[in-house]
C-alpha atoms as a PDB file:
ATOM      1  CA  UNK A   1     166.366 111.756 121.332  1.00  0.00           C
ATOM      2  CA  UNK A   2     164.142 113.322 118.798  1.00  0.00           C
ATOM      3  CA  UNK A   3     161.192 115.102 120.024  1.00  0.00           C
ATOM      4  CA  UNK A   4     158.523 116.013 116.441  1.00  0.00           C
ATOM      5  CA  UNK A   5     155.128 116.815 116.346  1.00  0.00           C
ATOM      6  CA  UNK A   6     152.872 114.604 114.106  1.00  0.00           C
ATOM      7  CA  UNK A   7     149.429 116.037 112.887  1.00  0.00           C
ATOM      8  CA  UNK A   8     149.741 118.406 116.086  1.00  0.00           C
ATOM      9  CA  UNK A   9     150.351 115.902 118.507  1.00  0.00           C
ATOM     10  CA  UNK A  10     154.039 115.716 120.282  1.00  0.00           C
ATOM     11  CA  UNK A  11     156.257 112.430 119.278  1.00  0.00           C
ATOM     12  CA  UNK A  12     159.401 111.282 121.289  1.00  0.00           C
ATOM     13  CA  UNK A  13     161.775 108.222 119.667  1.00  0.00           C
ATOM     14  CA  UNK A  14     164.303 106.807 120.924  1.00  0.00           C
ATOM     15  CA  UNK A  15     166.634 107.445 117.300  1.00  0.00           C
ATOM     16  CA  UNK A  16     166.541 109.236 114.839  1.00  0.00           C
ATOM     17  CA  UNK A  17     164.218 108.022 111.732  1.00  0.00           C
ATOM     18  CA  UNK A  18     163.175 108.580 108.619  1.00  0.00           C
ATOM     19  CA  UNK A  19     159.348 109.185 107.550  1.00  0.00           C
ATOM     20  CA  UNK A  20     159.632 106.154 105.958  1.00  0.00           C
ATOM     21  CA  UNK A  21     160.412 104.445 109.128  1.00  0.00           C
ATOM     22  CA  UNK A  22     157.623 106.995 111.146  1.00  0.00           C
ATOM     23  CA  UNK A  23     155.224 105.553 108.722  1.00  0.00           C
ATOM     24  CA  UNK A  24     155.704 102.091 109.688  1.00  0.00           C
ATOM     25  CA  UNK A  25     156.159 102.865 113.206  1.00  0.00           C
ATOM     26  CA  UNK A  26     152.399 104.155 112.684  1.00  0.00           C
ATOM     27  CA  UNK A  27     151.348 101.115 111.365  1.00  0.00           C
ATOM     28  CA  UNK A  28     150.021 102.618 108.457  1.00  0.00           C
ATOM     29  CA  UNK A  29     150.060 101.740 104.934  1.00  0.00           C
ATOM     30  CA  UNK A  30     152.226 104.608 102.816  1.00  0.00           C
ATOM     31  CA  UNK A  31     150.527 104.179  99.546  1.00  0.00           C
ATOM     32  CA  UNK A  32     147.546 105.442 101.237  1.00  0.00           C
ATOM     33  CA  UNK A  33     148.575 108.715 102.828  1.00  0.00           C
ATOM     34  CA  UNK A  34     150.449 111.901 101.873  1.00  0.00           C
ATOM     35  CA  UNK A  35     153.316 113.355 103.941  1.00  0.00           C
ATOM     36  CA  UNK A  36     154.557 117.024 104.443  1.00  0.00           C
ATOM     37  CA  UNK A  37     157.701 117.947 106.075  1.00  0.00           C
ATOM     38  CA  UNK A  38     157.338 121.714 107.811  1.00  0.00           C
ATOM     39  CA  UNK A  39     154.947 122.767 105.056  1.00  0.00           C
ATOM     40  CA  UNK A  40     156.889 121.166 102.485  1.00  0.00           C
ATOM     41  CA  UNK A  41     155.051 117.771 100.420  1.00  0.00           C
ATOM     42  CA  UNK A  42     157.484 114.869 100.476  1.00  0.00           C
ATOM     43  CA  UNK A  43     157.352 112.650  97.769  1.00  0.00           C
ATOM     44  CA  UNK A  44     156.971 108.785  98.318  1.00  0.00           C
ATOM     45  CA  UNK A  45     159.947 108.126  96.781  1.00  0.00           C
ATOM     46  CA  UNK A  46     161.144 110.063  99.185  1.00  0.00           C
ATOM     47  CA  UNK A  47     160.129 108.857 102.015  1.00  0.00           C
ATOM     48  CA  UNK A  48     163.159 106.138 103.200  1.00  0.00           C
ATOM     49  CA  UNK A  49     166.099 109.175 102.929  1.00  0.00           C
ATOM     50  CA  UNK A  50     164.153 111.837 104.253  1.00  0.00           C
ATOM     51  CA  UNK A  51     165.515 111.996 107.997  1.00  0.00           C
ATOM     52  CA  UNK A  52     163.542 113.942 110.589  1.00  0.00           C
ATOM     53  CA  UNK A  53     164.946 116.096 112.644  1.00  0.00           C
ATOM     54  CA  UNK A  54     164.436 117.130 116.272  1.00  0.00           C
ATOM     55  CA  UNK A  55     161.208 120.137 116.215  1.00  0.00           C
ATOM     56  CA  UNK A  56     160.153 119.106 112.669  1.00  0.00           C
ATOM     57  CA  UNK A  57     156.164 119.114 112.442  1.00  0.00           C
ATOM     58  CA  UNK A  58     154.943 116.796 110.181  1.00  0.00           C
ATOM     59  CA  UNK A  59     151.358 116.681 108.418  1.00  0.00           C
ATOM     60  CA  UNK A  60     150.332 112.512 107.719  1.00  0.00           C
ATOM     61  CA  UNK A  61     147.032 113.194 105.540  1.00  0.00           C
ATOM     62  CA  UNK A  62     144.532 110.238 104.094  1.00  0.00           C
ATOM     63  CA  UNK A  63     140.789 110.742 102.159  1.00  0.00           C
ATOM     64  CA  UNK A  64     137.947 110.505 103.704  1.00  0.00           C
ATOM     65  CA  UNK A  65     134.016 110.138 102.403  1.00  0.00           C
ATOM     66  CA  UNK A  66     133.439 107.416  99.960  1.00  0.00           C
ATOM     67  CA  UNK A  67     130.757 104.947  99.461  1.00  0.00           C
ATOM     68  CA  UNK A  68     129.032 102.091  97.194  1.00  0.00           C
ATOM     69  CA  UNK A  69     126.205 101.278  95.072  1.00  0.00           C
ATOM     70  CA  UNK A  70     122.690 101.568  96.420  1.00  0.00           C
ATOM     71  CA  UNK A  71     120.775  98.807  98.368  1.00  0.00           C
ATOM     72  CA  UNK A  72     118.173  96.551  96.379  1.00  0.00           C
ATOM     73  CA  UNK A  73     114.551  98.894  96.899  1.00  0.00           C
ATOM     74  CA  UNK A  74     111.746  96.160  97.619  1.00  0.00           C
ATOM     75  CA  UNK A  75     109.011  96.006  94.540  1.00  0.00           C
ATOM     76  CA  UNK A  76     106.155  98.109  93.215  1.00  0.00           C
ATOM     77  CA  UNK A  77     103.378  96.168  94.374  1.00  0.00           C
ATOM     78  CA  UNK A  78      99.656  97.364  93.203  1.00  0.00           C
ATOM     79  CA  UNK A  79      96.910  95.070  93.924  1.00  0.00           C
ATOM     80  CA  UNK A  80      98.322  91.591  92.765  1.00  0.00           C
ATOM     81  CA  UNK A  81     100.974  92.750  90.276  1.00  0.00           C
ATOM     82  CA  UNK A  82     104.592  93.474  91.238  1.00  0.00           C
ATOM     83  CA  UNK A  83     107.042  95.311  88.876  1.00  0.00           C
ATOM     84  CA  UNK A  84     110.449  95.870  89.154  1.00  0.00           C
ATOM     85  CA  UNK A  85     110.393  99.500  87.269  1.00  0.00           C
ATOM     86  CA  UNK A  86     107.919 102.344  88.662  1.00  0.00           C
ATOM     87  CA  UNK A  87     107.670 104.197  85.627  1.00  0.00           C
ATOM     88  CA  UNK A  88     104.709 103.579  83.582  1.00  0.00           C
ATOM     89  CA  UNK A  89     103.910 104.648  79.927  1.00  0.00           C
ATOM     90  CA  UNK A  90     101.366 104.881  77.124  1.00  0.00           C
ATOM     91  CA  UNK A  91     101.132 104.143  73.713  1.00  0.00           C
ATOM     92  CA  UNK A  92      99.244 107.138  72.431  1.00  0.00           C
ATOM     93  CA  UNK A  93     100.968 109.766  69.949  1.00  0.00           C
ATOM     94  CA  UNK A  94     103.868 108.633  68.597  1.00  0.00           C
ATOM     95  CA  UNK A  95     105.170 109.253  64.971  1.00  0.00           C
ATOM     96  CA  UNK A  96     105.294 105.484  64.229  1.00  0.00           C
ATOM     97  CA  UNK A  97     104.619 102.038  66.230  1.00  0.00           C
ATOM     98  CA  UNK A  98     108.508 101.303  65.727  1.00  0.00           C
ATOM     99  CA  UNK A  99     109.432 104.453  67.631  1.00  0.00           C
ATOM    100  CA  UNK A 100     106.916 103.535  70.266  1.00  0.00           C
ATOM    101  CA  UNK A 101     108.801 100.583  70.192  1.00  0.00           C
ATOM    102  CA  UNK A 102     112.116 101.587  70.865  1.00  0.00           C
ATOM    103  CA  UNK A 103     110.888 103.884  73.495  1.00  0.00           C
ATOM    104  CA  UNK A 104     109.487 101.104  75.532  1.00  0.00           C
ATOM    105  CA  UNK A 105     112.562  99.566  75.705  1.00  0.00           C
ATOM    106  CA  UNK A 106     114.932 102.853  76.479  1.00  0.00           C
ATOM    107  CA  UNK A 107     112.222 103.760  79.588  1.00  0.00           C
ATOM    108  CA  UNK A 108     112.504 100.276  80.998  1.00  0.00           C
ATOM    109  CA  UNK A 109     108.649 100.670  81.736  1.00  0.00           C
ATOM    110  CA  UNK A 110     107.136  96.792  82.343  1.00  0.00           C
ATOM    111  CA  UNK A 111     103.552  98.460  82.239  1.00  0.00           C
ATOM    112  CA  UNK A 112     102.204 100.251  79.172  1.00  0.00           C
ATOM    113  CA  UNK A 113      98.582 101.922  78.819  1.00  0.00           C
ATOM    114  CA  UNK A 114      96.580 101.190  76.078  1.00  0.00           C
ATOM    115  CA  UNK A 115      92.699 102.680  75.364  1.00  0.00           C
ATOM    116  CA  UNK A 116      90.207 100.250  74.029  1.00  0.00           C
ATOM    117  CA  UNK A 117      89.568 102.114  71.306  1.00  0.00           C
ATOM    118  CA  UNK A 118      89.438 101.881  67.051  1.00  0.00           C
ATOM    119  CA  UNK A 119      91.915 104.419  66.346  1.00  0.00           C
ATOM    120  CA  UNK A 120      94.732 102.956  69.369  1.00  0.00           C
ATOM    121  CA  UNK A 121      94.450  99.738  68.034  1.00  0.00           C
ATOM    122  CA  UNK A 122      94.709 100.039  63.926  1.00  0.00           C
ATOM    123  CA  UNK A 123      96.726 103.051  62.522  1.00  0.00           C
ATOM    124  CA  UNK A 124      96.027 104.122  59.152  1.00  0.00           C
ATOM    125  CA  UNK A 125      98.071 101.916  56.995  1.00  0.00           C
ATOM    126  CA  UNK A 126      96.205  98.916  59.510  1.00  0.00           C
ATOM    127  CA  UNK A 127      98.999  97.481  61.536  1.00  0.00           C
ATOM    128  CA  UNK A 128      97.897  96.195  64.904  1.00  0.00           C
ATOM    129  CA  UNK A 129      98.948  98.072  68.008  1.00  0.00           C
ATOM    130  CA  UNK A 130      99.044  94.737  69.366  1.00  0.00           C
ATOM    131  CA  UNK A 131     101.138  93.421  66.677  1.00  0.00           C
ATOM    132  CA  UNK A 132     104.386  95.730  68.484  1.00  0.00           C
ATOM    133  CA  UNK A 133     104.130  95.006  71.784  1.00  0.00           C
ATOM    134  CA  UNK A 134     105.544  92.333  73.795  1.00  0.00           C
ATOM    135  CA  UNK A 135     102.928  90.980  75.726  1.00  0.00           C
ATOM    136  CA  UNK A 136     105.001  88.623  77.360  1.00  0.00           C
ATOM    137  CA  UNK A 137     107.182  90.913  78.708  1.00  0.00           C
ATOM    138  CA  UNK A 138     104.557  94.084  79.465  1.00  0.00           C
ATOM    139  CA  UNK A 139     101.527  93.321  81.840  1.00  0.00           C
ATOM    140  CA  UNK A 140      99.469  95.765  79.365  1.00  0.00           C
ATOM    141  CA  UNK A 141      97.050  98.688  82.193  1.00  0.00           C
ATOM    142  CA  UNK A 142      93.844  99.138  79.712  1.00  0.00           C
ATOM    143  CA  UNK A 143      92.694 102.741  79.767  1.00  0.00           C
ATOM    144  CA  UNK A 144      89.132 103.689  79.723  1.00  0.00           C
ATOM    145  CA  UNK A 145      90.109 107.256  78.363  1.00  0.00           C
ATOM    146  CA  UNK A 146      88.128 109.426  76.010  1.00  0.00           C
ATOM    147  CA  UNK A 147      85.468 108.370  78.726  1.00  0.00           C
ATOM    148  CA  UNK A 148      83.239 110.911  80.083  1.00  0.00           C
ATOM    149  CA  UNK A 149      81.128 109.016  82.144  1.00  0.00           C
ATOM    150  CA  UNK A 150      80.437 106.562  84.589  1.00  0.00           C
ATOM    151  CA  UNK A 151      78.344 103.905  82.197  1.00  0.00           C
ATOM    152  CA  UNK A 152      80.837 104.514  78.805  1.00  0.00           C
ATOM    153  CA  UNK A 153      84.085 104.107  81.397  1.00  0.00           C
ATOM    154  CA  UNK A 154      82.671 100.671  82.944  1.00  0.00           C
ATOM    155  CA  UNK A 155      81.959  99.747  79.259  1.00  0.00           C
ATOM    156  CA  UNK A 156      84.798 100.309  78.618  1.00  0.00           C
ATOM    157  CA  UNK A 157      86.928  98.558  80.717  1.00  0.00           C
ATOM    158  CA  UNK A 158      84.540  95.078  80.775  1.00  0.00           C
ATOM    159  CA  UNK A 159      85.554  95.373  77.046  1.00  0.00           C
ATOM    160  CA  UNK A 160      89.288  95.477  77.630  1.00  0.00           C
ATOM    161  CA  UNK A 161      89.107  92.294  80.257  1.00  0.00           C
ATOM    162  CA  UNK A 162      87.525  90.519  77.337  1.00  0.00           C
ATOM    163  CA  UNK A 163      89.840  91.539  75.343  1.00  0.00           C
ATOM    164  CA  UNK A 164      93.519  90.510  77.095  1.00  0.00           C
ATOM    165  CA  UNK A 165      91.835  87.581  78.390  1.00  0.00           C
ATOM    166  CA  UNK A 166      91.741  86.363  74.676  1.00  0.00           C
ATOM    167  CA  UNK A 167      95.118  87.375  74.226  1.00  0.00           C
ATOM    168  CA  UNK A 168      96.389  85.540  77.680  1.00  0.00           C
ATOM    169  CA  UNK A 169      97.509  88.795  79.291  1.00  0.00           C
ATOM    170  CA  UNK A 170      97.427  89.424  83.137  1.00  0.00           C
ATOM    171  CA  UNK A 171      96.253  93.044  82.242  1.00  0.00           C
ATOM    172  CA  UNK A 172      92.782  91.248  82.113  1.00  0.00           C
ATOM    173  CA  UNK A 173      92.740  91.224  85.554  1.00  0.00           C
ATOM    174  CA  UNK A 174      93.089  95.316  86.140  1.00  0.00           C
ATOM    175  CA  UNK A 175      92.140  98.896  84.501  1.00  0.00           C
ATOM    176  CA  UNK A 176      93.076 102.620  84.961  1.00  0.00           C
ATOM    177  CA  UNK A 177      90.014 104.250  85.012  1.00  0.00           C
ATOM    178  CA  UNK A 178      89.412 108.140  83.424  1.00  0.00           C
ATOM    179  CA  UNK A 179      85.806 109.087  83.505  1.00  0.00           C
ATOM    180  CA  UNK A 180      86.714 112.823  82.070  1.00  0.00           C
ATOM    181  CA  UNK A 181      84.401 115.928  82.768  1.00  0.00           C
ATOM    182  CA  UNK A 182      85.401 117.965  79.648  1.00  0.00           C
ATOM    183  CA  UNK A 183      87.096 117.968  76.348  1.00  0.00           C
ATOM    184  CA  UNK A 184      88.840 121.096  77.503  1.00  0.00           C
ATOM    185  CA  UNK A 185      90.539 120.335  80.273  1.00  0.00           C
ATOM    186  CA  UNK A 186      90.543 116.510  80.237  1.00  0.00           C
ATOM    187  CA  UNK A 187      90.031 116.583  84.246  1.00  0.00           C
ATOM    188  CA  UNK A 188      88.256 114.076  85.865  1.00  0.00           C
ATOM    189  CA  UNK A 189      84.465 114.532  87.033  1.00  0.00           C
ATOM    190  CA  UNK A 190      84.696 113.354  90.631  1.00  0.00           C
ATOM    191  CA  UNK A 191      81.266 112.324  90.919  1.00  0.00           C
ATOM    192  CA  UNK A 192      81.255 109.393  88.040  1.00  0.00           C
ATOM    193  CA  UNK A 193      85.075 108.591  88.844  1.00  0.00           C
ATOM    194  CA  UNK A 194      83.674 107.589  92.098  1.00  0.00           C
ATOM    195  CA  UNK A 195      80.754 106.206  90.868  1.00  0.00           C
ATOM    196  CA  UNK A 196      82.537 103.764  88.251  1.00  0.00           C
ATOM    197  CA  UNK A 197      85.298 103.071  90.860  1.00  0.00           C
ATOM    198  CA  UNK A 198      82.808 101.376  93.467  1.00  0.00           C
ATOM    199  CA  UNK A 199      81.278  99.615  90.270  1.00  0.00           C
ATOM    200  CA  UNK A 200      84.441  98.054  88.704  1.00  0.00           C
ATOM    201  CA  UNK A 201      85.701  97.328  92.374  1.00  0.00           C
ATOM    202  CA  UNK A 202      82.019  94.899  93.017  1.00  0.00           C
ATOM    203  CA  UNK A 203      83.160  93.497  89.580  1.00  0.00           C
ATOM    204  CA  UNK A 204      86.315  91.818  90.689  1.00  0.00           C
ATOM    205  CA  UNK A 205      88.729  94.689  89.163  1.00  0.00           C
ATOM    206  CA  UNK A 206      92.199  95.703  90.231  1.00  0.00           C
ATOM    207  CA  UNK A 207      91.339  99.511  89.671  1.00  0.00           C
ATOM    208  CA  UNK A 208      93.688 102.405  89.155  1.00  0.00           C
ATOM    209  CA  UNK A 209      91.618 105.783  89.417  1.00  0.00           C
ATOM    210  CA  UNK A 210      92.955 108.883  87.712  1.00  0.00           C
ATOM    211  CA  UNK A 211      92.017 111.615  89.633  1.00  0.00           C
ATOM    212  CA  UNK A 212      92.840 115.288  90.478  1.00  0.00           C
ATOM    213  CA  UNK A 213      94.952 116.613  93.278  1.00  0.00           C
ATOM    214  CA  UNK A 214      92.081 116.696  95.535  1.00  0.00           C
ATOM    215  CA  UNK A 215      93.303 114.794  99.120  1.00  0.00           C
ATOM    216  CA  UNK A 216      89.578 114.611 100.141  1.00  0.00           C
ATOM    217  CA  UNK A 217      88.614 112.607  96.755  1.00  0.00           C
ATOM    218  CA  UNK A 218      91.629 110.963  96.926  1.00  0.00           C
ATOM    219  CA  UNK A 219      90.775 109.353 100.324  1.00  0.00           C
ATOM    220  CA  UNK A 220      87.206 108.563  99.291  1.00  0.00           C
ATOM    221  CA  UNK A 221      88.441 106.812  96.027  1.00  0.00           C
ATOM    222  CA  UNK A 222      90.943 104.808  98.624  1.00  0.00           C
ATOM    223  CA  UNK A 223      87.971 103.823 100.470  1.00  0.00           C
ATOM    224  CA  UNK A 224      85.794 102.662  97.582  1.00  0.00           C
ATOM    225  CA  UNK A 225      88.313 100.025  96.993  1.00  0.00           C
ATOM    226  CA  UNK A 226      90.995 101.401  94.524  1.00  0.00           C
ATOM    227  CA  UNK A 227      94.013  99.362  94.838  1.00  0.00           C
ATOM    228  CA  UNK A 228      96.270 102.874  93.093  1.00  0.00           C
ATOM    229  CA  UNK A 229      94.952 106.465  93.711  1.00  0.00           C
ATOM    230  CA  UNK A 230      96.533 108.367  90.385  1.00  0.00           C
ATOM    231  CA  UNK A 231      96.570 112.684  90.709  1.00  0.00           C
ATOM    232  CA  UNK A 232      97.028 114.185  88.156  1.00  0.00           C
ATOM    233  CA  UNK A 233     100.919 116.649  88.280  1.00  0.00           C
ATOM    234  CA  UNK A 234      98.917 119.224  85.951  1.00  0.00           C
ATOM    235  CA  UNK A 235      96.249 118.829  83.308  1.00  0.00           C
ATOM    236  CA  UNK A 236      96.816 115.621  80.676  1.00  0.00           C
ATOM    237  CA  UNK A 237      99.502 116.279  78.025  1.00  0.00           C
ATOM    238  CA  UNK A 238     100.065 119.956  78.998  1.00  0.00           C
ATOM    239  CA  UNK A 239     103.480 119.233  80.375  1.00  0.00           C
ATOM    240  CA  UNK A 240     103.353 122.218  83.331  1.00  0.00           C
ATOM    241  CA  UNK A 241     104.755 119.356  86.111  1.00  0.00           C
ATOM    242  CA  UNK A 242     103.653 119.021  89.246  1.00  0.00           C
ATOM    243  CA  UNK A 243     101.455 121.785  89.622  1.00  0.00           C
ATOM    244  CA  UNK A 244     101.123 121.169  93.686  1.00  0.00           C
ATOM    245  CA  UNK A 245     103.341 119.482  95.316  1.00  0.00           C
ATOM    246  CA  UNK A 246     101.455 120.577  98.609  1.00  0.00           C
ATOM    247  CA  UNK A 247      98.559 118.532  97.657  1.00  0.00           C
ATOM    248  CA  UNK A 248     100.341 115.334  96.130  1.00  0.00           C
ATOM    249  CA  UNK A 249     102.141 115.581  99.855  1.00  0.00           C
ATOM    250  CA  UNK A 250      98.697 115.588 101.886  1.00  0.00           C
ATOM    251  CA  UNK A 251      97.171 112.964  99.470  1.00  0.00           C
ATOM    252  CA  UNK A 252     100.489 110.987 100.297  1.00  0.00           C
ATOM    253  CA  UNK A 253     100.080 111.735 103.864  1.00  0.00           C
ATOM    254  CA  UNK A 254      96.151 110.493 103.734  1.00  0.00           C
ATOM    255  CA  UNK A 255      96.672 107.215 101.876  1.00  0.00           C
ATOM    256  CA  UNK A 256      99.547 105.738 103.153  1.00  0.00           C
ATOM    257  CA  UNK A 257      98.296 106.415 107.216  1.00  0.00           C
ATOM    258  CA  UNK A 258      98.269 102.860 108.512  1.00  0.00           C
ATOM    259  CA  UNK A 259      99.344 101.823 105.389  1.00  0.00           C
ATOM    260  CA  UNK A 260     102.737 102.654 104.099  1.00  0.00           C
ATOM    261  CA  UNK A 261     102.590 100.266 101.276  1.00  0.00           C
ATOM    262  CA  UNK A 262      99.337 102.047  99.389  1.00  0.00           C
ATOM    263  CA  UNK A 263     101.029 103.346  95.887  1.00  0.00           C
ATOM    264  CA  UNK A 264     100.544 106.499  94.761  1.00  0.00           C
ATOM    265  CA  UNK A 265     101.522 106.939  91.375  1.00  0.00           C
ATOM    266  CA  UNK A 266     101.378 110.351  89.557  1.00  0.00           C
ATOM    267  CA  UNK A 267      99.178 110.392  86.280  1.00  0.00           C
ATOM    268  CA  UNK A 268      99.481 113.476  83.696  1.00  0.00           C
ATOM    269  CA  UNK A 269     101.195 116.719  83.416  1.00  0.00           C
ATOM    270  CA  UNK A 270     104.804 115.625  82.849  1.00  0.00           C
ATOM    271  CA  UNK A 271     106.796 117.642  80.683  1.00  0.00           C
ATOM    272  CA  UNK A 272     110.463 116.543  81.382  1.00  0.00           C
ATOM    273  CA  UNK A 273     112.624 114.054  83.417  1.00  0.00           C
ATOM    274  CA  UNK A 274     112.739 116.726  86.631  1.00  0.00           C
ATOM    275  CA  UNK A 275     108.904 117.026  86.811  1.00  0.00           C
ATOM    276  CA  UNK A 276     109.704 112.429  87.096  1.00  0.00           C
ATOM    277  CA  UNK A 277     112.319 113.261  89.519  1.00  0.00           C
ATOM    278  CA  UNK A 278     110.195 115.633  91.701  1.00  0.00           C
ATOM    279  CA  UNK A 279     107.264 113.474  91.835  1.00  0.00           C
ATOM    280  CA  UNK A 280     109.243 110.283  93.405  1.00  0.00           C
ATOM    281  CA  UNK A 281     111.229 113.055  95.589  1.00  0.00           C
ATOM    282  CA  UNK A 282     107.772 113.469  97.031  1.00  0.00           C
ATOM    283  CA  UNK A 283     107.615 109.992  98.480  1.00  0.00           C
ATOM    284  CA  UNK A 284     104.967 108.754  94.908  1.00  0.00           C
ATOM    285  CA  UNK A 285     105.421 105.343  94.321  1.00  0.00           C
ATOM    286  CA  UNK A 286     105.802 105.513  90.757  1.00  0.00           C
ATOM    287  CA  UNK A 287     104.807 107.534  87.615  1.00  0.00           C
ATOM    288  CA  UNK A 288     102.905 107.295  84.297  1.00  0.00           C
ATOM    289  CA  UNK A 289     103.649 109.493  81.452  1.00  0.00           C
ATOM    290  CA  UNK A 290     103.136 109.457  77.491  1.00  0.00           C
ATOM    291  CA  UNK A 291     103.150 112.998  75.879  1.00  0.00           C
ATOM    292  CA  UNK A 292     106.622 113.840  77.835  1.00  0.00           C
ATOM    293  CA  UNK A 293     108.077 111.437  75.585  1.00  0.00           C
ATOM    294  CA  UNK A 294     106.137 110.396  72.533  1.00  0.00           C
ATOM    295  CA  UNK A 295     105.908 114.162  71.810  1.00  0.00           C
ATOM    296  CA  UNK A 296     109.724 114.779  72.825  1.00  0.00           C
ATOM    297  CA  UNK A 297     112.179 116.406  69.857  1.00  0.00           C
ATOM    298  CA  UNK A 298     114.032 113.065  70.739  1.00  0.00           C
ATOM    299  CA  UNK A 299     111.615 110.319  71.746  1.00  0.00           C
ATOM    300  CA  UNK A 300     113.727 107.512  72.797  1.00  0.00           C
ATOM    301  CA  UNK A 301     116.626 110.128  74.433  1.00  0.00           C
ATOM    302  CA  UNK A 302     113.977 111.020  76.338  1.00  0.00           C
ATOM    303  CA  UNK A 303     112.536 108.091  77.173  1.00  0.00           C
ATOM    304  CA  UNK A 304     115.864 107.470  78.424  1.00  0.00           C
ATOM    305  CA  UNK A 305     115.989 110.487  80.592  1.00  0.00           C
ATOM    306  CA  UNK A 306     112.923 109.379  82.294  1.00  0.00           C
ATOM    307  CA  UNK A 307     114.164 105.913  83.267  1.00  0.00           C
ATOM    308  CA  UNK A 308     116.502 107.639  85.156  1.00  0.00           C
ATOM    309  CA  UNK A 309     114.514 110.532  86.699  1.00  0.00           C
ATOM    310  CA  UNK A 310     112.692 107.685  87.525  1.00  0.00           C
ATOM    311  CA  UNK A 311     115.334 105.924  89.742  1.00  0.00           C
ATOM    312  CA  UNK A 312     117.337 109.145  90.793  1.00  0.00           C
ATOM    313  CA  UNK A 313     114.106 110.590  92.485  1.00  0.00           C
ATOM    314  CA  UNK A 314     113.152 107.413  93.853  1.00  0.00           C
ATOM    315  CA  UNK A 315     117.050 107.243  95.405  1.00  0.00           C
ATOM    316  CA  UNK A 316     116.515 110.320  96.697  1.00  0.00           C
ATOM    317  CA  UNK A 317     113.526 109.796  98.542  1.00  0.00           C
ATOM    318  CA  UNK A 318     114.937 107.204 100.107  1.00  0.00           C
ATOM    319  CA  UNK A 319     118.089 108.508 100.878  1.00  0.00           C
ATOM    320  CA  UNK A 320     115.994 111.460 102.702  1.00  0.00           C
ATOM    321  CA  UNK A 321     117.200 115.145 101.876  1.00  0.00           C
ATOM    322  CA  UNK A 322     119.385 117.409 104.014  1.00  0.00           C
ATOM    323  CA  UNK A 323     117.192 120.148 106.091  1.00  0.00           C
ATOM    324  CA  UNK A 324     117.115 123.494 104.143  1.00  0.00           C
ATOM    325  CA  UNK A 325     119.666 126.163 106.569  1.00  0.00           C
ATOM    326  CA  UNK A 326     119.830 129.359 106.577  1.00  0.00           C
ATOM    327  CA  UNK A 327     123.645 129.554 106.338  1.00  0.00           C
ATOM    328  CA  UNK A 328     126.603 127.482 105.410  1.00  0.00           C
ATOM    329  CA  UNK A 329     127.697 124.259 106.435  1.00  0.00           C
ATOM    330  CA  UNK A 330     130.940 122.667 105.650  1.00  0.00           C
ATOM    331  CA  UNK A 331     130.883 118.995 103.896  1.00  0.00           C
ATOM    332  CA  UNK A 332     134.204 117.894 104.528  1.00  0.00           C
ATOM    333  CA  UNK A 333     135.880 117.116 108.077  1.00  0.00           C
ATOM    334  CA  UNK A 334     137.226 119.910 110.117  1.00  0.00           C
ATOM    335  CA  UNK A 335     138.870 118.025 112.339  1.00  0.00           C
ATOM    336  CA  UNK A 336     142.371 117.343 111.130  1.00  0.00           C
ATOM    337  CA  UNK A 337     142.865 120.367 108.982  1.00  0.00           C
ATOM    338  CA  UNK A 338     146.485 121.408 108.728  1.00  0.00           C
ATOM    339  CA  UNK A 339     146.003 125.067 108.010  1.00  0.00           C
ATOM    340  CA  UNK A 340     145.882 127.538 110.754  1.00  0.00           C
ATOM    341  CA  UNK A 341     143.247 128.146 112.991  1.00  0.00           C
ATOM    342  CA  UNK A 342     140.675 130.742 112.571  1.00  0.00           C
END
């Protein structure tokens, strides 16, 4: 009656047996195992002929871990609108409308912003921006970019609603509100921004409002009826990324308290894909960008990068990062290890 050790447990068998017979008795699939006898690996082809002797030490190992694709995410809902993509893009600063069109496809965006100004709608060759936008697939988000007062912003929003209504695009029902304070920083004027938000909401607009990363102002804008508050990561077009993640976290806490589905979308300052990922990992619901793609050396490649970064950051947020620790913590299980203990 041979007495052998299997994975550090003493086992006795009535008759001598081979490795194959042992695996069969244990009810295991040999294709999913590796076997070591007395610290020598026994190839699977030798299992039927390798007889086990009294006192042999056998280690039978397999692989652990694994996974599957990510579960489906809930859609992005901003006011009355629902989208799959959480990446919004802009239409400005591209060297051509053809390149802009290619980048939009690469980014996977379903929303793009357009400023209601003549120079944004017709280029120097007389081409219309609208000829390069698929109005059946894209929801146009009219932007009051370049407005430095509540009055001007409200006027542009009204014109945009009329324009998009004529085109039959659902973007007629909303507006991305910008009321800038000065031309050097392009930071918003908080007083006029709040004033314009209140007025446009009263006129039935779904207002997505560009603001600083001030949590108090963000809370006031939500209270005024904005369907989304859009804090800047850093100044428009600066490429500096998320400069104050602490304030973004506070904004998220304030605006989602008791209202977890309220949408906070980072707008402005993105420079590269890691900036998008960071914004999403913080818990933001989306990112709006333009210059980071249009101004890149290879704009189409960058559009793909932004698309993947947005998805990766969102998955990381939903997955929940592990706590930071001072010392190491082994990722592989220590149980079942075949080396000598320490």
